[in-house]
Amino acid sequence: MIMITLTAENFAEQVLQSDKPVLVDFWAEWCPPCRMIAPILEQIEAEHGDRVTIAKLNYDEHQEIAARYGVMGLPTLNLYKGGEVVQQIVGAKPKRMLLADLEDHI
């Protein structure tokens, strides 16, 4: 499965109206930790994609969305359920720590 690239145009449909949890990766080209977690997120999607959708939002291109959800540092991972943020993870973490943070929700 290919990770969804979010834009202002598809954010509401892909994230807020999704019937399963969506983990949104707020990232930027200039952010080394963002590049570090990208392959980890791909692994999580491959292993848990039936229970959670993983999507990426370019912070530089969509700062208004980032501001709306209180994203202050990168990378920030917001987990949305039913249109609400139920978990926010700031900074790069190893896969097992990310899964531990998410396990209550997916």
Protein backbone atom coordinates (compact mmCIF):
# COMPACT_ATOMS: atom_id res chain seq x y z
CA MET A 1 0.00 0.00 0.00
CA ILE A 2 1.26 3.46 -0.85
CA MET A 3 1.18 6.13 1.80
CA ILE A 4 -1.38 8.86 1.18
CA THR A 5 -0.03 12.33 0.48
CA LEU A 6 -2.29 14.87 2.13
CA THR A 7 -3.18 18.31 0.85
CA ALA A 8 -5.57 21.02 1.96
CA GLU A 9 -7.99 19.65 -0.64
CA ASN A 10 -8.09 16.04 0.59
CA PHE A 11 -7.34 16.40 4.34
CA ALA A 12 -10.97 16.37 5.53
CA GLU A 13 -11.94 13.42 3.34
CA GLN A 14 -8.83 11.28 3.96
CA VAL A 15 -8.35 12.06 7.66
CA LEU A 16 -11.37 13.60 9.37
CA GLN A 17 -13.96 11.43 7.60
CA SER A 18 -12.00 8.18 7.65
CA ASP A 19 -13.70 5.16 9.22
CA LYS A 20 -10.38 3.87 10.60
CA PRO A 21 -7.64 5.64 12.57
CA VAL A 22 -5.28 7.79 10.48
CA LEU A 23 -1.71 8.52 11.56
CA VAL A 24 -0.61 11.79 9.94
CA ASP A 25 3.12 12.39 9.59
CA PHE A 26 3.79 16.15 9.54
CA TRP A 27 7.21 16.34 7.86
CA ALA A 28 9.50 18.61 5.81
CA GLU A 29 12.27 18.08 3.27
CA TRP A 30 14.82 19.87 5.48
CA CYS A 31 14.09 17.70 8.56
CA PRO A 32 16.61 14.84 9.07
CA PRO A 33 14.53 13.08 11.78
CA CYS A 34 11.58 13.12 9.34
CA ARG A 35 13.69 11.16 6.87
CA MET A 36 14.73 8.76 9.65
CA ILE A 37 11.17 7.76 10.53
CA ALA A 38 9.85 7.51 6.95
CA PRO A 39 10.96 3.86 6.49
CA ILE A 40 9.63 2.99 9.96
CA LEU A 41 6.21 4.38 9.03
CA GLU A 42 6.30 2.36 5.80
CA GLN A 43 6.96 -0.80 7.85
CA ILE A 44 4.13 0.00 10.25
CA GLU A 45 1.78 0.56 7.33
CA ALA A 46 2.84 -2.73 5.73
CA GLU A 47 2.25 -4.62 8.98
CA HIS A 48 -0.79 -2.77 10.39
CA GLY A 49 -2.38 -1.13 7.34
CA ASP A 50 -5.58 -3.07 7.89
CA ARG A 51 -6.09 -1.22 11.21
CA VAL A 52 -4.52 2.19 10.61
CA THR A 53 -3.99 4.45 7.60
CA ILE A 54 -0.69 6.30 7.44
CA ALA A 55 -0.56 9.60 5.58
CA LYS A 56 2.05 12.32 5.08
CA LEU A 57 1.51 16.07 5.14
CA ASN A 58 4.27 18.41 3.99
CA TYR A 59 4.56 21.00 6.75
CA ASP A 60 6.04 23.70 4.51
CA GLU A 61 3.24 23.39 1.95
CA HIS A 62 0.39 23.21 4.47
CA GLN A 63 1.35 25.30 7.50
CA GLU A 64 -2.27 26.34 8.10
CA ILE A 65 -3.25 22.71 8.77
CA ALA A 66 -0.21 22.19 10.99
CA ALA A 67 -1.08 25.32 12.97
CA ARG A 68 -4.72 24.22 13.35
CA TYR A 69 -3.55 21.02 15.07
CA GLY A 70 -0.82 22.54 17.24
CA VAL A 71 2.14 21.12 15.34
CA MET A 72 5.18 22.99 16.66
CA GLY A 73 8.10 20.68 15.90
CA LEU A 74 8.92 18.11 13.27
CA PRO A 75 8.35 15.33 12.86
CA THR A 76 4.98 15.30 14.57
CA LEU A 77 2.67 12.30 14.24
CA ASN A 78 -1.00 12.95 14.98
CA LEU A 79 -3.36 10.02 15.29
CA TYR A 80 -6.91 10.91 14.28
CA LYS A 81 -9.97 8.85 15.20
CA GLY A 82 -13.45 10.04 14.33
CA GLY A 83 -12.04 13.37 13.16
CA GLU A 84 -10.30 14.12 16.48
CA VAL A 85 -6.63 13.96 17.50
CA VAL A 86 -6.39 11.16 20.06
CA GLN A 87 -2.58 10.96 20.22
CA GLN A 88 0.30 13.27 19.32
CA ILE A 89 3.86 11.99 19.07
CA VAL A 90 6.64 14.56 18.63
CA GLY A 91 10.07 13.59 17.39
CA ALA A 92 11.54 10.49 15.81
CA LYS A 93 11.27 7.26 17.80
CA PRO A 94 12.22 3.64 17.15
CA LYS A 95 9.51 1.45 15.67
CA ARG A 96 8.77 -0.46 18.89
CA MET A 97 8.23 2.83 20.78
CA LEU A 98 5.93 4.19 18.09
CA LEU A 99 3.89 0.97 18.14
CA ALA A 100 3.72 1.11 21.94
CA ASP A 101 2.39 4.69 21.73
CA LEU A 102 -0.22 3.66 19.17
CA GLU A 103 -1.33 0.30 20.55
CA ASP A 104 -4.22 1.67 22.61
CA HIS A 105 -5.76 3.20 19.48
CA ILE A 106 -5.21 0.75 16.64
